[in-house]
Protein backbone atom coordinates (compact mmCIF):
# COMPACT_ATOMS: atom_id res chain seq x y z
CA MET A 1 138.46 55.23 -98.74
CA ALA A 2 141.65 54.25 -96.83
CA ALA A 3 140.01 56.11 -94.01
CA GLY A 4 137.28 53.68 -93.89
CA ARG A 5 134.32 56.74 -94.95
CA SER A 6 131.25 55.93 -96.91
CA LYS A 7 130.71 57.30 -100.09
CA ALA A 8 128.29 59.38 -98.26
CA ALA A 9 130.40 60.60 -96.03
CA ILE A 10 132.77 61.26 -98.74
CA ALA A 11 130.35 62.97 -101.07
CA ARG A 12 129.15 65.34 -97.51
CA HIS A 13 133.51 66.13 -97.18
CA LEU A 14 133.81 66.75 -101.08
CA VAL A 15 130.47 68.63 -101.38
CA ILE A 16 129.66 66.31 -104.42
CA SER A 17 126.79 64.20 -105.15
CA GLY A 18 127.04 60.15 -104.31
CA LYS A 19 126.50 59.08 -107.68
CA THR A 20 130.18 61.41 -108.52
CA VAL A 21 131.85 59.44 -105.96
CA SER A 22 130.64 56.11 -107.12
CA ASN A 23 131.57 57.26 -110.56
CA HIS A 24 135.53 58.12 -109.32
CA ILE A 25 135.50 55.07 -106.53
CA THR A 26 134.55 52.70 -110.32
CA ALA A 27 137.57 54.74 -112.47
CA ILE A 28 139.91 54.04 -109.41
CA PHE A 29 138.80 50.35 -109.66
CA ALA A 30 139.24 49.60 -113.24
CA LYS A 31 142.70 51.74 -113.01
CA LEU A 32 144.25 49.63 -110.25
CA ALA A 33 142.62 46.72 -111.93
CA VAL A 34 141.13 45.75 -108.36
CA ALA A 35 137.02 44.46 -107.82
CA ASP A 36 136.81 46.35 -104.31
CA ARG A 37 137.87 48.73 -101.61
CA ALA A 38 139.82 46.31 -99.63
CA GLU A 39 142.22 45.45 -102.43
CA ALA A 40 142.44 49.15 -103.73
CA ILE A 41 143.46 50.55 -100.34
CA VAL A 42 145.86 47.32 -100.51
CA ARG A 43 147.48 48.25 -103.85
CA ALA A 44 147.59 52.24 -103.24
CA ARG A 45 149.29 51.38 -99.84
CA ARG A 46 151.66 48.82 -101.80
CA ALA A 47 152.49 52.12 -104.50
CA GLY A 48 153.27 54.13 -100.96
CA LEU A 49 149.68 56.66 -101.44
CA GLY A 50 147.33 57.26 -98.71
CA ALA A 51 149.37 56.05 -95.68
CA ASP A 52 148.75 60.17 -94.54
CA PHE A 53 144.93 59.74 -94.34
CA ALA A 54 145.27 56.26 -92.80
CA GLN A 55 147.51 57.95 -89.78
CA GLY A 56 144.79 60.93 -89.75
CA ALA A 57 142.40 58.76 -89.28
CA SER A 58 143.51 56.52 -86.78
CA ARG A 59 144.35 59.77 -84.55
CA GLY A 60 140.46 61.23 -85.41
CA ASP A 61 141.39 64.07 -87.45
CA PRO A 62 139.15 64.75 -90.36
CA GLY A 63 140.84 63.98 -93.47
């Protein structure tokens, strides 16, 4: 998510269904008590998570 990938792109990368990605994203939002991706990313980065993925995405590396 932090790399800006769509649900479909995440599903292809992980070889799972789009519905499974949606279920996981919903669970992440609930655990972080956030309403959307932007808020989840901010909360995760403040906790020190996801920085490595965001840097890889900015270099064009697959994440």
